[in-house]
Amino acid sequence: MANEKREVEIKSRADTLPLTSPEVRPWPVTPPPPPEEVTKVYEKRKAGEFGKWCEDNLRFEKGFGKAEALQGFKVLDIGLWRMGHKFASSLLGEAGAEVICIEPPGGDPLRKLTPFGREEYMLTDKETGEKCGLDFISEMINKYSITLNIETEEGQELFKELARHADVIVDGHLPGYMDSLGIGYRQISRFNPKAVYCWVGVRGSWGSYKDRVSKHGQWELDPFSQCTNAFVHNTGFPQDQLPRGKGGDPTRSGLWINDYVAGEQAAVNIQAALYWRDQFSGEGQFIEMTGAESYFDILDFDIAWYGFNASIKGRTGAWDPNLNQYEWNPCRDGYMMIGGQSDRLWYRIGMCIERDYPQFGRLIHEDPFLKEVGARNALHALIKTYTLTTRWLREINRIEAEQKLLDYEIAAGPILYTDEVAEFPHFKYRPWIYTTESDYGTILYGTNPNAFQVKTPHRLKWMGRALGKDNYLIYQRYSGLGPTKVDEFKEKGVI
């Protein structure tokens, strides 16, 4: 009874908490370094003329007036609950394609995805008052938003009209769902043989362990692909290490990393298919991309290891079993990444640490076992190295450690927290962090890594879109529907 009473008290107190959105943090808090200061860096590193040429031709802000590599290509993005297909179409949109995101009249459930279910962490559309989660907004880059109920006959006909004009269709529904409605690749290719149709899923649209829905209607999402391909098994600390009271358990990525890797691979495959179509065959094709299999490109060493001697690579935490040192180390105010993958760097690390901690040189450089690169990678050698390195780092902070290590031309850098990334001088100067005005207010975002091209840089033109904002525009443009007809379809639940 006491526990039940306590739970009621906690719930009633939570219900009275104000649901106010947090204030938007100003950015940048401090200005980026001036060009004169950066020019000195170019000159110091003997790259003055080339560095200046790169900056003049690749600056992010100059990209908005340049050509777009995929201008003229039309993309339909349709699916629910998954980020893979959305990320793929976002990449195409940033390269200049016209992307139309199709959602059911009630919207993609991902619009409601928000940390801990807290509504105050969502952003509010300034015109409609609609709330939307940041994850979904971030994958509505350069996309138009329309609604369509494809489970109705009229909705299927409208989709076909849109598909007649499409170069690319990116499908994130369950395998075979679109085909069962008569609007999958097999049907669309009959009247639009040039269409490139890419399905993005978790484990696949065929095979004995294909994607499926649970009996409760829950779709299998990114974590299932992470677990299926052994990524989760390989990530985490070994069972005999217990840092901060934890250890021995696998760790999945908090991000839907497999979805994003699949989305990246899907975008590459789509562009290759478009090139093949336009340069050689004149025909589109069907592409299947899964989160589980896309990660095998990254895990291929583990597969080869197993094939070599039937051993399963154990978890090593953040240690790299192939290199010593090549790992983050805790220091006084955070963590420091140090790279000593060659003899030259290895001994320079020792010389640097010896200045403050003389025992390091004696214990490391005089150990005959550690003189060979291969020997240094044995587990007990890793333990000895990192124990002594951390003994030195615990006395100094990240800035001090970085400067000491760079004085010896050692590959080193601090692990930055998110607030530090947003204010890091280098990121602000290029910039890798930027702001955009959206229907949901000002949003801080990471710029596209493909933005630094001389001729056709990728770019963000807008981010986020209220549900169905472009219904009138898109249906008029591609289906010839006037506002009255769109309103009629809305009343019938088709749009």
Protein backbone atom coordinates (compact mmCIF):
# COMPACT_ATOMS: atom_id res chain seq x y z
CA MET A 1 0.00 0.00 0.00
CA ALA A 2 2.82 2.40 0.84
CA ASN A 3 4.41 1.86 -2.57
CA GLU A 4 1.08 2.38 -4.35
CA LYS A 5 0.49 5.62 -2.42
CA ARG A 6 4.01 6.80 -3.29
CA GLU A 7 3.42 6.08 -7.02
CA VAL A 8 0.17 8.10 -6.95
CA GLU A 9 1.99 11.04 -5.29
CA ILE A 10 4.76 10.99 -7.89
CA LYS A 11 2.26 10.82 -10.79
CA SER A 12 0.11 13.68 -9.44
CA ARG A 13 3.22 15.81 -8.97
CA ALA A 14 4.39 15.06 -12.52
CA ASP A 15 0.96 16.04 -13.90
CA THR A 16 1.32 19.51 -12.37
CA LEU A 17 4.72 20.22 -13.91
CA PRO A 18 4.57 23.01 -16.53
CA LEU A 19 4.95 21.72 -20.09
CA THR A 20 6.96 24.66 -21.36
CA SER A 21 9.48 24.27 -24.17
CA PRO A 22 13.09 24.98 -23.20
CA GLU A 23 14.59 28.20 -24.51
CA VAL A 24 16.60 28.00 -27.71
CA ARG A 25 20.29 28.32 -26.93
CA PRO A 26 21.94 31.21 -28.82
CA TRP A 27 24.57 30.17 -31.33
CA PRO A 28 27.40 30.79 -31.53
CA VAL A 29 28.08 31.92 -27.99
CA THR A 30 31.49 33.19 -29.13
CA PRO A 31 32.34 34.20 -32.73
CA PRO A 32 34.43 31.95 -34.98
CA PRO A 33 38.14 32.81 -35.35
CA PRO A 34 38.85 35.68 -37.77
CA PRO A 35 40.31 34.85 -41.23
CA GLU A 36 43.63 36.45 -40.26
CA GLU A 37 44.08 33.92 -37.47
CA VAL A 38 43.26 30.99 -39.78
CA THR A 39 45.68 32.29 -42.42
CA LYS A 40 48.46 32.02 -39.87
CA VAL A 41 47.61 28.33 -39.44
CA TYR A 42 47.91 27.80 -43.21
CA GLU A 43 51.32 29.47 -43.25
CA LYS A 44 52.54 27.58 -40.19
CA ARG A 45 51.68 24.26 -41.86
CA LYS A 46 53.22 25.33 -45.18
CA ALA A 47 49.89 25.26 -47.00
CA GLY A 48 49.16 28.96 -47.26
CA GLU A 49 48.33 29.22 -50.95
CA PHE A 50 46.49 25.89 -51.22
CA GLY A 51 44.57 26.42 -47.97
CA LYS A 52 43.41 29.83 -49.18
CA TRP A 53 42.37 28.39 -52.56
CA CYS A 54 40.34 25.64 -50.86
CA GLU A 55 38.63 28.12 -48.59
CA ASP A 56 37.77 30.47 -51.46
CA ASN A 57 36.26 27.66 -53.54
CA LEU A 58 34.71 25.36 -50.96
CA ARG A 59 33.23 27.67 -48.34
CA PHE A 60 29.82 26.43 -47.23
CA GLU A 61 28.06 29.78 -47.68
CA LYS A 62 29.05 30.02 -51.35
CA GLY A 63 27.35 26.75 -52.23
CA PHE A 64 23.80 28.10 -52.38
CA GLY A 65 24.35 29.82 -55.73
CA LYS A 66 25.94 26.82 -57.45
CA ALA A 67 24.43 24.06 -59.59
CA GLU A 68 22.82 20.93 -58.13
CA ALA A 69 23.99 17.50 -59.28
CA LEU A 70 20.51 15.90 -59.15
CA GLN A 71 18.43 18.87 -60.28
CA GLY A 72 15.44 17.74 -62.32
CA PHE A 73 15.21 14.27 -60.74
CA LYS A 74 11.93 13.53 -58.96
CA VAL A 75 11.81 11.27 -55.89
CA LEU A 76 8.86 9.80 -53.97
CA ASP A 77 9.55 8.86 -50.34
CA ILE A 78 6.92 6.62 -48.74
CA GLY A 79 7.06 4.51 -45.58
CA LEU A 80 6.45 4.44 -41.85
CA TRP A 81 8.39 4.06 -38.62
CA ARG A 82 11.86 3.84 -40.17
CA MET A 83 14.71 6.27 -40.77
CA GLY A 84 16.62 4.36 -43.48
CA HIS A 85 14.43 5.37 -46.42
CA LYS A 86 14.00 8.88 -45.05
CA PHE A 87 17.75 9.38 -44.76
CA ALA A 88 18.27 8.07 -48.30
CA SER A 89 15.78 10.54 -49.76
CA SER A 90 17.20 13.35 -47.61
CA LEU A 91 20.62 12.76 -49.18
CA LEU A 92 19.07 12.87 -52.66
CA GLY A 93 17.21 16.06 -51.74
CA GLU A 94 20.39 17.71 -50.52
CA ALA A 95 21.98 16.84 -53.88
CA GLY A 96 19.20 18.76 -55.65
CA ALA A 97 16.47 16.21 -56.38
CA GLU A 98 12.83 17.18 -55.85
CA VAL A 99 11.68 14.91 -53.03
CA ILE A 100 8.03 14.38 -52.08
CA CYS A 101 7.42 12.74 -48.70
CA ILE A 102 4.11 10.82 -48.67
CA GLU A 103 2.46 10.12 -45.31
CA PRO A 104 -0.95 8.77 -44.33
CA PRO A 105 -3.52 11.45 -43.39
CA GLY A 106 -2.70 10.91 -39.72
CA GLY A 107 1.05 11.32 -40.34
CA ASP A 108 4.03 9.05 -39.82
CA PRO A 109 4.15 7.88 -36.16
CA LEU A 110 7.79 9.05 -36.11
CA ARG A 111 6.49 12.61 -35.97
CA LYS A 112 5.53 11.87 -32.36
CA LEU A 113 8.88 10.35 -31.42
CA THR A 114 10.35 12.45 -28.58
CA PRO A 115 12.79 11.74 -25.72
CA PHE A 116 11.09 10.11 -22.74
CA GLY A 117 7.70 10.91 -24.29
CA ARG A 118 8.09 14.53 -23.22
CA GLU A 119 5.97 16.79 -25.41
CA GLU A 120 7.94 19.86 -24.38
CA TYR A 121 10.94 18.43 -26.23
CA MET A 122 8.99 18.67 -29.50
CA LEU A 123 8.89 21.73 -31.74
CA THR A 124 5.67 23.52 -32.69
CA ASP A 125 4.76 24.59 -36.22
CA LYS A 126 4.25 28.35 -36.19
CA GLU A 127 1.15 28.26 -38.44
CA THR A 128 -0.69 25.05 -37.58
CA GLY A 129 0.40 24.53 -33.97
CA GLU A 130 1.32 20.92 -34.86
CA LYS A 131 4.01 19.42 -32.66
CA CYS A 132 6.77 17.35 -34.19
CA GLY A 133 9.81 15.51 -32.85
CA LEU A 134 13.31 16.66 -33.78
CA ASP A 135 14.29 13.29 -35.29
CA PHE A 136 11.54 13.52 -37.88
CA ILE A 137 12.16 17.21 -38.60
CA SER A 138 15.83 16.46 -39.24
CA GLU A 139 14.91 13.94 -41.94
CA MET A 140 12.51 16.31 -43.68
CA ILE A 141 15.36 18.13 -45.43
CA ASN A 142 14.39 19.75 -48.73
CA LYS A 143 11.25 17.58 -48.89
CA TYR A 144 7.68 18.47 -49.75
CA SER A 145 5.03 16.96 -47.49
CA ILE A 146 1.79 15.48 -48.81
CA THR A 147 -0.74 13.08 -47.31
CA LEU A 148 -2.32 10.10 -49.05
CA ASN A 149 -4.30 7.07 -47.94
CA ILE A 150 -2.91 4.40 -50.25
CA GLU A 151 -5.26 1.77 -48.81
CA THR A 152 -8.15 3.36 -50.73
CA GLU A 153 -8.70 2.79 -54.45
CA GLU A 154 -8.64 6.51 -55.15
CA GLY A 155 -5.46 6.87 -53.13
CA GLN A 156 -3.81 4.12 -55.14
CA GLU A 157 -4.75 5.83 -58.39
CA LEU A 158 -3.33 9.13 -57.12
CA PHE A 159 -0.11 7.36 -56.16
CA LYS A 160 0.15 5.90 -59.65
CA GLU A 161 -0.23 9.39 -61.10
CA LEU A 162 2.66 10.59 -58.96
CA ALA A 163 4.71 7.48 -59.82
CA ARG A 164 4.34 8.18 -63.57
CA HIS A 165 6.52 11.25 -63.07
CA ALA A 166 9.00 9.72 -60.64
CA ASP A 167 12.62 8.89 -61.37
CA VAL A 168 13.01 7.27 -57.95
CA ILE A 169 10.67 5.69 -55.41
CA VAL A 170 12.11 4.99 -51.95
CA ASP A 171 9.93 2.54 -50.02
CA GLY A 172 10.17 2.09 -46.25
CA HIS A 173 7.03 -0.01 -45.77
CA LEU A 174 7.02 -3.69 -44.85
CA PRO A 175 8.16 -5.98 -47.67
CA GLY A 176 5.42 -6.74 -50.18
CA TYR A 177 2.99 -4.19 -48.71
CA MET A 178 3.08 -1.83 -51.69
CA ASP A 179 2.93 -4.78 -54.09
CA SER A 180 -0.16 -6.14 -52.31
CA LEU A 181 -1.90 -2.82 -53.00
CA GLY A 182 -0.99 -2.97 -56.67
CA ILE A 183 1.43 -0.05 -56.48
CA GLY A 184 4.78 -1.81 -55.94
CA TYR A 185 7.70 -2.04 -58.36
CA ARG A 186 6.22 -4.86 -60.40
CA GLN A 187 3.11 -2.81 -61.20
CA ILE A 188 4.77 0.61 -61.53
CA SER A 189 7.48 -0.65 -63.88
CA ARG A 190 4.77 -1.57 -66.41
CA PHE A 191 3.79 2.06 -66.98
CA ASN A 192 7.05 3.71 -65.85
CA PRO A 193 9.88 1.36 -66.84
CA LYS A 194 12.47 4.09 -66.11
CA ALA A 195 11.61 4.20 -62.40
CA VAL A 196 14.34 3.20 -59.92
CA TYR A 197 12.55 1.60 -56.97
CA CYS A 198 14.54 1.15 -53.74
CA TRP A 199 13.14 -0.76 -50.77
CA VAL A 200 14.95 -0.13 -47.46
CA GLY A 201 14.32 -2.55 -44.58
CA VAL A 202 15.84 -4.37 -41.63
CA ARG A 203 16.71 -7.95 -42.67
CA GLY A 204 15.23 -8.30 -46.12
CA SER A 205 12.11 -8.76 -48.20
CA TRP A 206 12.81 -12.46 -48.76
CA GLY A 207 14.52 -15.36 -46.99
CA SER A 208 13.71 -17.40 -43.89
CA TYR A 209 14.21 -14.48 -41.49
CA LYS A 210 12.66 -11.74 -43.61
CA ASP A 211 11.18 -8.58 -42.10
CA ARG A 212 7.87 -9.14 -40.37
CA VAL A 213 5.32 -7.61 -38.01
CA SER A 214 4.80 -8.97 -34.50
CA LYS A 215 1.39 -10.22 -33.42
CA HIS A 216 0.91 -6.87 -31.67
CA GLY A 217 1.48 -4.97 -34.90
CA GLN A 218 4.90 -3.68 -33.87
CA TRP A 219 7.32 -3.21 -36.75
CA GLU A 220 10.88 -4.41 -36.46
CA LEU A 221 13.12 -1.37 -36.33
CA ASP A 222 16.83 -0.58 -36.38
CA PRO A 223 17.87 -2.37 -33.14
CA PHE A 224 16.85 -5.71 -34.66
CA SER A 225 19.28 -5.22 -37.55
CA GLN A 226 22.03 -4.16 -35.11
CA CYS A 227 21.49 -7.39 -33.17
CA THR A 228 21.15 -9.58 -36.24
CA ASN A 229 24.52 -8.67 -37.79
CA ALA A 230 26.61 -9.01 -34.58
CA PHE A 231 27.27 -5.28 -34.30
CA VAL A 232 25.74 -5.23 -30.82
CA HIS A 233 27.68 -8.33 -29.73
CA ASN A 234 30.96 -6.67 -30.72
CA THR A 235 30.21 -3.38 -28.96
CA GLY A 236 30.76 -3.07 -25.23
CA PHE A 237 33.27 -4.13 -22.61
CA PRO A 238 34.58 -7.67 -22.14
CA GLN A 239 33.14 -9.67 -19.28
CA ASP A 240 36.26 -9.41 -17.12
CA GLN A 241 36.27 -5.60 -17.19
CA LEU A 242 33.90 -3.68 -14.97
CA PRO A 243 34.41 0.04 -15.58
CA ARG A 244 32.27 2.16 -13.28
CA GLY A 245 30.39 -0.89 -12.08
CA LYS A 246 29.35 -2.10 -15.53
CA GLY A 247 30.79 -4.56 -17.98
CA GLY A 248 30.43 -7.78 -19.80
CA ASP A 249 27.25 -6.77 -21.62
CA PRO A 250 26.84 -5.89 -25.29
CA THR A 251 25.88 -2.31 -26.11
CA ARG A 252 23.75 -1.16 -29.01
CA SER A 253 24.18 2.24 -30.58
CA GLY A 254 21.77 4.79 -29.12
CA LEU A 255 21.41 6.18 -32.64
CA TRP A 256 19.57 4.15 -35.26
CA ILE A 257 22.97 3.66 -36.84
CA ASN A 258 22.07 0.70 -39.07
CA ASP A 259 19.15 2.63 -40.54
CA TYR A 260 21.45 5.51 -41.41
CA VAL A 261 24.13 3.26 -42.89
CA ALA A 262 21.42 1.55 -44.97
CA GLY A 263 20.12 4.95 -46.05
CA GLU A 264 23.57 6.05 -47.15
CA GLN A 265 24.10 2.81 -49.08
CA ALA A 266 20.63 3.12 -50.61
CA ALA A 267 21.41 6.62 -51.88
CA VAL A 268 24.67 5.37 -53.45
CA ASN A 269 22.85 2.47 -55.13
CA ILE A 270 20.10 4.75 -56.40
CA GLN A 271 22.56 7.17 -57.99
CA ALA A 272 24.45 4.29 -59.61
CA ALA A 273 21.15 2.91 -60.99
CA LEU A 274 20.25 6.34 -62.38
CA TYR A 275 23.63 6.57 -64.09
CA TRP A 276 23.24 3.08 -65.58
CA ARG A 277 19.70 3.95 -66.74
CA ASP A 278 20.61 7.27 -68.35
CA GLN A 279 23.93 6.22 -69.86
CA PHE A 280 23.36 2.62 -70.93
CA SER A 281 20.03 0.83 -70.54
CA GLY A 282 17.23 3.38 -70.47
CA GLU A 283 15.57 1.24 -67.79
CA GLY A 284 15.08 1.52 -64.06
CA GLN A 285 15.38 -1.37 -61.64
CA PHE A 286 14.48 -2.69 -58.19
CA ILE A 287 16.99 -2.27 -55.36
CA GLU A 288 16.82 -3.94 -51.96
CA MET A 289 18.83 -2.48 -49.08
CA THR A 290 18.79 -3.77 -45.49
CA GLY A 291 20.22 -2.35 -42.31
CA ALA A 292 21.64 -5.71 -41.23
CA GLU A 293 23.50 -6.39 -44.47
CA SER A 294 24.66 -2.83 -45.06
CA TYR A 295 26.74 -3.11 -41.90
CA PHE A 296 28.66 -6.13 -43.16
CA ASP A 297 30.81 -3.70 -45.15
CA ILE A 298 31.98 -2.39 -41.78
CA LEU A 299 32.13 -5.74 -39.97
CA ASP A 300 33.89 -7.66 -42.73
CA PHE A 301 37.07 -8.04 -40.64
CA ASP A 302 35.09 -9.91 -37.99
CA ILE A 303 33.61 -12.24 -40.59
CA ALA A 304 37.04 -12.92 -42.10
CA TRP A 305 38.44 -13.56 -38.62
CA TYR A 306 35.75 -16.17 -37.97
CA GLY A 307 36.41 -17.77 -41.35
CA PHE A 308 40.14 -17.85 -40.67
CA ASN A 309 40.10 -19.97 -37.50
CA ALA A 310 36.46 -20.23 -36.37
CA SER A 311 37.06 -17.77 -33.51
CA ILE A 312 34.56 -15.11 -32.48
CA LYS A 313 36.15 -11.73 -31.88
CA GLY A 314 35.51 -10.80 -28.27
CA ARG A 315 34.45 -7.40 -27.07
CA THR A 316 37.40 -5.14 -26.28
CA GLY A 317 35.57 -2.01 -25.20
CA ALA A 318 37.06 0.99 -26.95
CA TRP A 319 40.46 -0.69 -27.31
CA ASP A 320 41.61 -1.52 -30.81
CA PRO A 321 43.07 -5.06 -30.70
CA ASN A 322 45.16 -4.26 -33.80
CA LEU A 323 46.91 -1.13 -32.53
CA ASN A 324 48.57 0.12 -29.35
CA GLN A 325 47.99 2.91 -28.55
CA TYR A 326 44.83 3.79 -30.39
CA GLU A 327 42.22 4.62 -27.81
CA TRP A 328 40.65 7.27 -25.62
CA ASN A 329 42.07 7.65 -22.13
CA PRO A 330 40.40 9.34 -19.13
CA CYS A 331 42.01 12.58 -17.97
CA ARG A 332 41.19 15.25 -15.42
CA ASP A 333 38.27 16.88 -17.27
CA GLY A 334 37.13 14.22 -19.72
CA TYR A 335 38.79 11.90 -22.23
CA MET A 336 41.70 12.14 -24.62
CA MET A 337 42.23 10.20 -27.85
CA ILE A 338 45.85 9.23 -28.52
CA GLY A 339 47.16 7.42 -31.60
CA GLY A 340 50.44 5.53 -31.52
CA GLN A 341 49.99 3.04 -34.31
CA SER A 342 53.58 3.21 -35.59
CA ASP A 343 57.01 2.90 -33.96
CA ARG A 344 57.67 6.59 -34.55
CA LEU A 345 54.48 7.68 -32.77
CA TRP A 346 54.84 5.02 -30.07
CA TYR A 347 58.24 6.26 -28.93
CA ARG A 348 57.23 9.89 -29.23
CA ILE A 349 54.31 9.25 -26.87
CA GLY A 350 56.80 7.80 -24.40
CA MET A 351 59.16 10.78 -24.75
CA CYS A 352 56.25 13.18 -24.18
CA ILE A 353 54.92 11.44 -21.08
CA GLU A 354 58.42 10.98 -19.66
CA ARG A 355 58.74 14.73 -19.19
CA ASP A 356 56.09 14.70 -16.46
CA TYR A 357 56.14 11.06 -15.45
CA PRO A 358 59.69 9.62 -15.72
CA GLN A 359 58.59 6.13 -14.70
CA PHE A 360 56.72 5.76 -18.01
CA GLY A 361 59.91 5.61 -20.05
CA ARG A 362 61.49 3.04 -17.80
CA LEU A 363 58.40 0.83 -17.62
CA ILE A 364 57.50 1.09 -21.30
CA HIS A 365 60.60 1.80 -23.40
CA GLU A 366 62.83 -0.57 -21.43
CA ASP A 367 60.36 -3.45 -21.66
CA PRO A 368 61.78 -5.78 -24.37
CA PHE A 369 58.34 -7.24 -25.02
CA LEU A 370 57.01 -3.85 -26.15
CA LYS A 371 59.66 -3.14 -28.76
CA GLU A 372 57.78 -4.90 -31.59
CA VAL A 373 54.54 -3.49 -33.03
CA GLY A 374 52.84 -6.90 -33.04
CA ALA A 375 53.83 -7.72 -29.46
CA ARG A 376 52.48 -4.42 -28.21
CA ASN A 377 48.97 -5.49 -29.19
CA ALA A 378 48.79 -8.43 -26.76
CA LEU A 379 46.15 -7.95 -24.07
CA HIS A 380 48.58 -7.64 -21.16
CA ALA A 381 50.60 -5.11 -23.19
CA LEU A 382 47.48 -3.04 -23.82
CA ILE A 383 46.62 -3.13 -20.12
CA LYS A 384 50.10 -1.96 -19.13
CA THR A 385 50.21 0.84 -21.71
CA TYR A 386 46.79 2.29 -20.98
CA THR A 387 47.21 2.01 -17.22
CA LEU A 388 50.37 4.10 -17.33
CA THR A 389 48.97 6.58 -19.85
CA THR A 390 45.92 7.17 -17.67
CA ARG A 391 48.22 7.62 -14.64
CA TRP A 392 49.82 10.55 -16.51
CA LEU A 393 46.57 12.00 -17.89
CA ARG A 394 44.75 12.08 -14.56
CA GLU A 395 46.97 15.00 -13.50
CA ILE A 396 46.18 17.22 -16.52
CA ASN A 397 43.18 18.43 -18.52
CA ARG A 398 42.43 17.87 -22.20
CA ILE A 399 43.85 21.16 -23.48
CA GLU A 400 47.13 20.63 -21.62
CA ALA A 401 47.39 17.04 -22.81
CA GLU A 402 46.67 17.95 -26.44
CA GLN A 403 49.30 20.69 -26.48
CA LYS A 404 51.94 18.46 -24.88
CA LEU A 405 51.26 15.66 -27.37
CA LEU A 406 51.12 17.95 -30.42
CA ASP A 407 54.50 19.38 -29.44
CA TYR A 408 55.84 15.91 -30.23
CA GLU A 409 53.79 15.65 -33.47
CA ILE A 410 51.63 12.91 -32.00
CA ALA A 411 48.13 12.20 -33.33
CA ALA A 412 45.93 13.32 -30.45
CA GLY A 413 42.67 15.10 -29.76
CA PRO A 414 40.10 15.51 -27.00
CA ILE A 415 36.74 13.77 -26.94
CA LEU A 416 34.32 16.67 -27.26
CA TYR A 417 30.91 16.97 -25.66
CA THR A 418 27.98 18.23 -27.76
CA ASP A 419 28.15 21.78 -26.40
CA GLU A 420 31.88 21.86 -27.14
CA VAL A 421 31.30 20.60 -30.68
CA ALA A 422 28.82 23.41 -31.30
CA GLU A 423 31.36 25.97 -30.12
CA PHE A 424 34.52 24.36 -31.51
CA PRO A 425 36.39 27.10 -33.46
CA HIS A 426 37.17 24.87 -36.46
CA PHE A 427 33.55 23.71 -36.81
CA LYS A 428 32.23 27.25 -36.55
CA TYR A 429 34.70 28.61 -39.09
CA ARG A 430 34.04 26.13 -41.94
CA PRO A 431 31.16 25.80 -40.67
CA TRP A 432 30.19 22.24 -39.81
CA ILE A 433 27.52 23.52 -37.44
CA TYR A 434 24.95 26.04 -38.68
CA THR A 435 21.42 27.34 -38.11
CA THR A 436 18.37 27.36 -40.37
CA GLU A 437 15.00 29.01 -40.09
CA SER A 438 12.14 26.53 -40.36
CA ASP A 439 8.37 26.29 -39.90
CA TYR A 440 9.25 25.19 -36.37
CA GLY A 441 11.61 28.07 -35.56
CA THR A 442 15.40 28.28 -35.53
CA ILE A 443 17.17 24.90 -35.65
CA LEU A 444 20.85 24.18 -35.04
CA TYR A 445 22.12 21.41 -37.31
CA GLY A 446 25.23 19.72 -38.64
CA THR A 447 25.91 20.73 -42.24
CA ASN A 448 26.04 18.11 -44.98
CA PRO A 449 29.55 16.62 -45.34
CA ASN A 450 28.96 16.66 -49.11
CA ALA A 451 28.63 20.45 -49.09
CA PHE A 452 32.32 21.02 -49.79
CA GLN A 453 32.43 20.68 -53.58
CA VAL A 454 33.62 23.23 -56.10
CA LYS A 455 30.86 22.76 -58.69
CA THR A 456 27.81 20.95 -57.24
CA PRO A 457 27.80 21.09 -53.42
CA HIS A 458 24.92 19.52 -51.54
CA ARG A 459 22.92 21.92 -49.38
CA LEU A 460 20.01 22.33 -47.01
CA LYS A 461 17.32 24.66 -48.37
CA TRP A 462 14.70 23.97 -45.71
CA MET A 463 14.18 21.58 -42.82
CA GLY A 464 10.91 20.28 -41.47
CA ARG A 465 7.47 20.49 -43.00
CA ALA A 466 4.04 20.51 -41.43
CA LEU A 467 1.98 17.43 -42.29
CA GLY A 468 0.40 17.84 -45.73
CA LYS A 469 1.66 21.38 -46.20
CA ASP A 470 2.22 20.84 -49.94
CA ASN A 471 -0.95 18.92 -50.82
CA TYR A 472 -2.38 21.64 -53.05
CA LEU A 473 0.93 22.38 -54.79
CA ILE A 474 1.97 18.79 -55.55
CA TYR A 475 -1.42 17.39 -56.53
CA GLN A 476 -1.99 20.33 -58.86
CA ARG A 477 1.45 19.94 -60.40
CA TYR A 478 1.43 16.16 -60.98
CA SER A 479 -2.22 15.09 -60.93
CA GLY A 480 -3.97 18.19 -62.22
CA LEU A 481 -6.16 18.44 -59.11
CA GLY A 482 -7.51 21.87 -58.26
CA PRO A 483 -8.08 23.06 -54.68
CA THR A 484 -11.75 22.02 -54.73
CA LYS A 485 -10.92 18.45 -55.71
CA VAL A 486 -8.15 18.24 -53.09
CA ASP A 487 -10.64 19.42 -50.45
CA GLU A 488 -13.11 16.78 -51.64
CA PHE A 489 -10.50 14.05 -51.26
CA LYS A 490 -9.64 15.37 -47.81
CA GLU A 491 -13.24 15.05 -46.70
CA LYS A 492 -13.36 11.48 -47.98
CA GLY A 493 -10.15 10.57 -46.11
CA VAL A 494 -8.17 9.92 -49.28
CA ILE A 495 -5.79 12.84 -48.66
